[in-house]
Amino acid sequence: MEGVIWLIFTVLTVIPMLKLLPYFGINKYWALACIIPLGLLALIWWMAMKLQELEQR
């Protein structure tokens, strides 16, 4: 059962990341890093850094 929940969570995070990452200038295939939980946190951090750069311009 835990595997099914993990799979659902992974799909629900990878699909939005596939659409969001190109807006931040990050290759969309990095969304596959969401398969591991720390990958999701790293991508959110990376997107936040890119957003700060865009706001400074």
N, C-alpha and C. Protein backbone atom coordinates (compact mmCIF):
# COMPACT_ATOMS: atom_id res chain seq x y z
N MET A 1 0.82 -1.20 0.00
CA MET A 1 0.00 0.00 0.00
C MET A 1 0.86 1.26 0.00
N GLU A 2 1.98 1.21 0.76
CA GLU A 2 2.84 2.39 0.80
C GLU A 2 3.44 2.70 -0.56
N GLY A 3 3.71 1.63 -1.33
CA GLY A 3 4.26 1.83 -2.67
C GLY A 3 3.29 2.54 -3.59
N VAL A 4 2.03 2.23 -3.46
CA VAL A 4 1.01 2.87 -4.30
C VAL A 4 0.88 4.35 -3.92
N ILE A 5 0.90 4.64 -2.64
CA ILE A 5 0.82 6.04 -2.19
C ILE A 5 2.04 6.81 -2.68
N TRP A 6 3.22 6.21 -2.59
CA TRP A 6 4.44 6.87 -3.05
C TRP A 6 4.38 7.12 -4.56
N LEU A 7 3.86 6.14 -5.30
CA LEU A 7 3.74 6.29 -6.76
C LEU A 7 2.77 7.42 -7.12
N ILE A 8 1.65 7.49 -6.43
CA ILE A 8 0.68 8.57 -6.68
C ILE A 8 1.29 9.92 -6.36
N PHE A 9 1.98 10.03 -5.24
CA PHE A 9 2.64 11.29 -4.87
C PHE A 9 3.68 11.68 -5.90
N THR A 10 4.43 10.72 -6.39
CA THR A 10 5.46 11.00 -7.39
C THR A 10 4.84 11.53 -8.68
N VAL A 11 3.79 10.90 -9.14
CA VAL A 11 3.13 11.35 -10.37
C VAL A 11 2.54 12.74 -10.18
N LEU A 12 1.97 13.00 -9.00
CA LEU A 12 1.37 14.31 -8.74
C LEU A 12 2.39 15.42 -8.58
N THR A 13 3.65 15.09 -8.40
CA THR A 13 4.69 16.12 -8.34
C THR A 13 5.48 16.24 -9.64
N VAL A 14 5.67 15.14 -10.36
CA VAL A 14 6.45 15.18 -11.60
C VAL A 14 5.71 15.94 -12.69
N ILE A 15 4.42 15.69 -12.85
CA ILE A 15 3.66 16.30 -13.94
C ILE A 15 3.64 17.83 -13.84
N PRO A 16 3.35 18.43 -12.68
CA PRO A 16 3.42 19.90 -12.62
C PRO A 16 4.84 20.44 -12.83
N MET A 17 5.84 19.70 -12.34
CA MET A 17 7.22 20.16 -12.53
C MET A 17 7.60 20.15 -14.00
N LEU A 18 7.08 19.21 -14.78
CA LEU A 18 7.36 19.18 -16.22
C LEU A 18 6.89 20.47 -16.89
N LYS A 19 5.83 21.05 -16.37
CA LYS A 19 5.29 22.27 -16.95
C LYS A 19 5.93 23.53 -16.36
N LEU A 20 6.36 23.49 -15.10
CA LEU A 20 6.90 24.68 -14.44
C LEU A 20 8.37 24.94 -14.74
N LEU A 21 9.16 23.90 -14.81
CA LEU A 21 10.61 24.08 -14.93
C LEU A 21 11.03 24.88 -16.17
N PRO A 22 10.45 24.69 -17.34
CA PRO A 22 10.88 25.49 -18.50
C PRO A 22 10.69 27.00 -18.30
N TYR A 23 9.72 27.42 -17.49
CA TYR A 23 9.53 28.84 -17.24
C TYR A 23 10.68 29.45 -16.44
N PHE A 24 11.40 28.61 -15.72
CA PHE A 24 12.53 29.07 -14.93
C PHE A 24 13.86 28.83 -15.64
N GLY A 25 13.82 28.37 -16.87
CA GLY A 25 15.04 28.13 -17.63
C GLY A 25 15.74 26.85 -17.25
N ILE A 26 15.00 25.90 -16.70
CA ILE A 26 15.56 24.61 -16.28
C ILE A 26 15.01 23.55 -17.21
N ASN A 27 15.86 22.65 -17.65
CA ASN A 27 15.43 21.58 -18.54
C ASN A 27 14.32 20.76 -17.88
N LYS A 28 13.28 20.48 -18.64
CA LYS A 28 12.10 19.81 -18.07
C LYS A 28 12.38 18.39 -17.60
N TYR A 29 13.43 17.77 -18.10
CA TYR A 29 13.73 16.41 -17.68
C TYR A 29 14.30 16.34 -16.26
N TRP A 30 14.64 17.48 -15.68
CA TRP A 30 15.04 17.51 -14.28
C TRP A 30 13.86 17.17 -13.37
N ALA A 31 12.65 17.20 -13.90
CA ALA A 31 11.46 16.84 -13.11
C ALA A 31 11.54 15.39 -12.63
N LEU A 32 12.30 14.57 -13.30
CA LEU A 32 12.45 13.19 -12.87
C LEU A 32 13.18 13.09 -11.53
N ALA A 33 13.82 14.16 -11.11
CA ALA A 33 14.46 14.17 -9.79
C ALA A 33 13.42 14.12 -8.69
N CYS A 34 12.17 14.36 -9.00
CA CYS A 34 11.09 14.30 -8.00
C CYS A 34 10.80 12.87 -7.57
N ILE A 35 11.41 11.92 -8.21
CA ILE A 35 11.20 10.52 -7.82
C ILE A 35 11.71 10.29 -6.40
N ILE A 36 12.78 10.99 -6.05
CA ILE A 36 13.27 10.90 -4.67
C ILE A 36 12.85 12.17 -3.93
N PRO A 37 12.49 12.08 -2.67
CA PRO A 37 11.98 13.25 -1.94
C PRO A 37 12.96 14.42 -1.89
N LEU A 38 14.23 14.16 -1.73
CA LEU A 38 15.20 15.26 -1.69
C LEU A 38 15.34 15.94 -3.04
N GLY A 39 15.05 15.22 -4.11
CA GLY A 39 15.07 15.81 -5.44
C GLY A 39 14.02 16.88 -5.58
N LEU A 40 12.84 16.63 -5.02
CA LEU A 40 11.76 17.62 -5.06
C LEU A 40 12.16 18.87 -4.29
N LEU A 41 12.74 18.70 -3.13
CA LEU A 41 13.18 19.86 -2.34
C LEU A 41 14.27 20.64 -3.06
N ALA A 42 15.18 19.94 -3.71
CA ALA A 42 16.25 20.61 -4.44
C ALA A 42 15.69 21.41 -5.61
N LEU A 43 14.71 20.86 -6.32
CA LEU A 43 14.12 21.58 -7.45
C LEU A 43 13.34 22.81 -6.98
N ILE A 44 12.64 22.70 -5.87
CA ILE A 44 11.92 23.86 -5.34
C ILE A 44 12.91 24.94 -4.95
N TRP A 45 14.03 24.55 -4.33
CA TRP A 45 15.06 25.52 -3.95
C TRP A 45 15.66 26.17 -5.20
N TRP A 46 15.95 25.37 -6.22
CA TRP A 46 16.53 25.88 -7.46
C TRP A 46 15.59 26.87 -8.14
N MET A 47 14.29 26.55 -8.15
CA MET A 47 13.31 27.45 -8.74
C MET A 47 13.23 28.75 -7.94
N ALA A 48 13.33 28.68 -6.63
CA ALA A 48 13.30 29.88 -5.80
C ALA A 48 14.50 30.77 -6.09
N MET A 49 15.66 30.17 -6.29
CA MET A 49 16.86 30.96 -6.61
C MET A 49 16.70 31.64 -7.97
N LYS A 50 16.16 30.93 -8.94
CA LYS A 50 15.93 31.52 -10.27
C LYS A 50 14.90 32.64 -10.19
N LEU A 51 13.88 32.49 -9.35
CA LEU A 51 12.86 33.52 -9.19
C LEU A 51 13.45 34.77 -8.57
N GLN A 52 14.36 34.60 -7.61
CA GLN A 52 15.04 35.75 -7.02
C GLN A 52 15.88 36.49 -8.06
N GLU A 53 16.56 35.73 -8.93
CA GLU A 53 17.34 36.35 -9.99
C GLU A 53 16.45 37.14 -10.93
N LEU A 54 15.29 36.60 -11.27
CA LEU A 54 14.38 37.28 -12.17
C LEU A 54 13.80 38.54 -11.54
N GLU A 55 13.57 38.53 -10.24
CA GLU A 55 13.02 39.68 -9.55
C GLU A 55 14.03 40.81 -9.44
N GLN A 56 15.32 40.49 -9.40
CA GLN A 56 16.36 41.51 -9.27
C GLN A 56 16.56 42.28 -10.57
N ARG A 57 16.16 41.73 -11.66
CA ARG A 57 16.36 42.39 -12.96
C ARG A 57 15.40 43.50 -13.16
